Amino acid sequence: MQITLEDELYQWVTKEIKALRFGSYSHAINYALKQLKNESEKS
């Protein structure tokens, strides 16, 4: 699977990975999608 991120999001995720918030791009994307899924299920 491949994805394309807007440059601003790519730069932010890269910064967060360097700060050790996420272990990888896959980790960051999985985290974000789980958050979105949880929010949409609450509605």
N, C-alpha and C. Protein backbone atom coordinates (compact mmCIF):
# COMPACT_ATOMS: atom_id res chain seq x y z
N MET A 1 0.84 -1.16 0.00
CA MET A 1 0.00 0.00 0.00
C MET A 1 0.89 1.23 0.00
N GLN A 2 0.48 2.22 -0.72
CA GLN A 2 1.17 3.50 -0.74
C GLN A 2 0.17 4.60 -0.45
N ILE A 3 0.62 5.65 0.19
CA ILE A 3 -0.24 6.80 0.42
C ILE A 3 0.52 8.07 0.05
N THR A 4 -0.20 9.12 -0.15
CA THR A 4 0.39 10.43 -0.39
C THR A 4 -0.12 11.37 0.68
N LEU A 5 0.82 12.06 1.32
CA LEU A 5 0.46 13.03 2.35
C LEU A 5 0.72 14.44 1.84
N GLU A 6 -0.10 15.36 2.30
CA GLU A 6 0.18 16.76 2.02
C GLU A 6 1.52 17.09 2.68
N ASP A 7 2.28 17.99 2.08
CA ASP A 7 3.61 18.30 2.57
C ASP A 7 3.60 18.73 4.03
N GLU A 8 2.63 19.54 4.42
CA GLU A 8 2.55 20.00 5.81
C GLU A 8 2.37 18.83 6.78
N LEU A 9 1.52 17.88 6.42
CA LEU A 9 1.33 16.70 7.27
C LEU A 9 2.57 15.82 7.31
N TYR A 10 3.20 15.66 6.17
CA TYR A 10 4.43 14.86 6.11
C TYR A 10 5.50 15.45 7.01
N GLN A 11 5.67 16.76 6.95
CA GLN A 11 6.67 17.41 7.79
C GLN A 11 6.33 17.26 9.27
N TRP A 12 5.06 17.39 9.62
CA TRP A 12 4.65 17.25 11.01
C TRP A 12 4.89 15.83 11.51
N VAL A 13 4.49 14.83 10.73
CA VAL A 13 4.68 13.44 11.14
C VAL A 13 6.18 13.14 11.28
N THR A 14 6.97 13.62 10.35
CA THR A 14 8.41 13.41 10.43
C THR A 14 8.97 14.00 11.72
N LYS A 15 8.52 15.19 12.08
CA LYS A 15 8.97 15.84 13.32
C LYS A 15 8.55 15.02 14.54
N GLU A 16 7.32 14.49 14.52
CA GLU A 16 6.83 13.68 15.64
C GLU A 16 7.57 12.35 15.76
N ILE A 17 7.96 11.78 14.64
CA ILE A 17 8.76 10.54 14.67
C ILE A 17 10.12 10.83 15.28
N LYS A 18 10.73 11.94 14.88
CA LYS A 18 12.04 12.31 15.44
C LYS A 18 11.94 12.58 16.94
N ALA A 19 10.79 13.09 17.39
CA ALA A 19 10.57 13.37 18.81
C ALA A 19 10.14 12.10 19.57
N LEU A 20 10.07 10.97 18.86
CA LEU A 20 9.73 9.66 19.41
C LEU A 20 8.27 9.53 19.86
N ARG A 21 7.39 10.38 19.34
CA ARG A 21 5.97 10.21 19.62
C ARG A 21 5.44 8.99 18.88
N PHE A 22 5.90 8.80 17.66
CA PHE A 22 5.53 7.65 16.84
C PHE A 22 6.80 6.91 16.44
N GLY A 23 6.68 5.60 16.30
CA GLY A 23 7.84 4.81 15.92
C GLY A 23 8.10 4.79 14.43
N SER A 24 7.07 5.10 13.65
CA SER A 24 7.20 5.06 12.19
C SER A 24 6.02 5.77 11.57
N TYR A 25 6.08 5.94 10.26
CA TYR A 25 4.95 6.54 9.55
C TYR A 25 3.72 5.64 9.67
N SER A 26 3.93 4.33 9.59
CA SER A 26 2.81 3.40 9.73
C SER A 26 2.15 3.53 11.10
N HIS A 27 2.96 3.66 12.13
CA HIS A 27 2.43 3.83 13.48
C HIS A 27 1.58 5.09 13.57
N ALA A 28 2.09 6.19 13.02
CA ALA A 28 1.37 7.47 13.06
C ALA A 28 0.04 7.37 12.31
N ILE A 29 0.05 6.75 11.16
CA ILE A 29 -1.16 6.65 10.35
C ILE A 29 -2.17 5.73 11.01
N ASN A 30 -1.72 4.60 11.54
CA ASN A 30 -2.63 3.71 12.26
C ASN A 30 -3.25 4.41 13.46
N TYR A 31 -2.46 5.14 14.22
CA TYR A 31 -2.95 5.88 15.37
C TYR A 31 -4.03 6.88 14.94
N ALA A 32 -3.74 7.66 13.90
CA ALA A 32 -4.69 8.67 13.43
C ALA A 32 -5.99 8.05 12.96
N LEU A 33 -5.90 6.96 12.23
CA LEU A 33 -7.11 6.31 11.72
C LEU A 33 -7.93 5.70 12.86
N LYS A 34 -7.27 5.15 13.86
CA LYS A 34 -8.00 4.61 15.02
C LYS A 34 -8.73 5.72 15.76
N GLN A 35 -8.08 6.88 15.90
CA GLN A 35 -8.73 8.01 16.56
C GLN A 35 -9.96 8.46 15.77
N LEU A 36 -9.82 8.56 14.47
CA LEU A 36 -10.94 8.97 13.61
C LEU A 36 -12.07 7.95 13.68
N LYS A 37 -11.74 6.68 13.67
CA LYS A 37 -12.75 5.62 13.75
C LYS A 37 -13.49 5.71 15.09
N ASN A 38 -12.75 5.88 16.18
CA ASN A 38 -13.38 6.00 17.50
C ASN A 38 -14.31 7.20 17.58
N GLU A 39 -13.90 8.33 17.03
CA GLU A 39 -14.74 9.52 17.03
C GLU A 39 -16.02 9.31 16.22
N SER A 40 -15.89 8.65 15.07
CA SER A 40 -17.06 8.47 14.22
C SER A 40 -18.03 7.46 14.82
N GLU A 41 -17.51 6.50 15.60
CA GLU A 41 -18.39 5.51 16.24
C GLU A 41 -19.15 6.10 17.43
N LYS A 42 -18.64 7.18 18.00
CA LYS A 42 -19.31 7.84 19.13
C LYS A 42 -20.56 8.58 18.67
N SER A 43 -20.57 8.98 17.42
CA SER A 43 -21.69 9.78 16.87
C SER A 43 -22.92 8.95 16.66
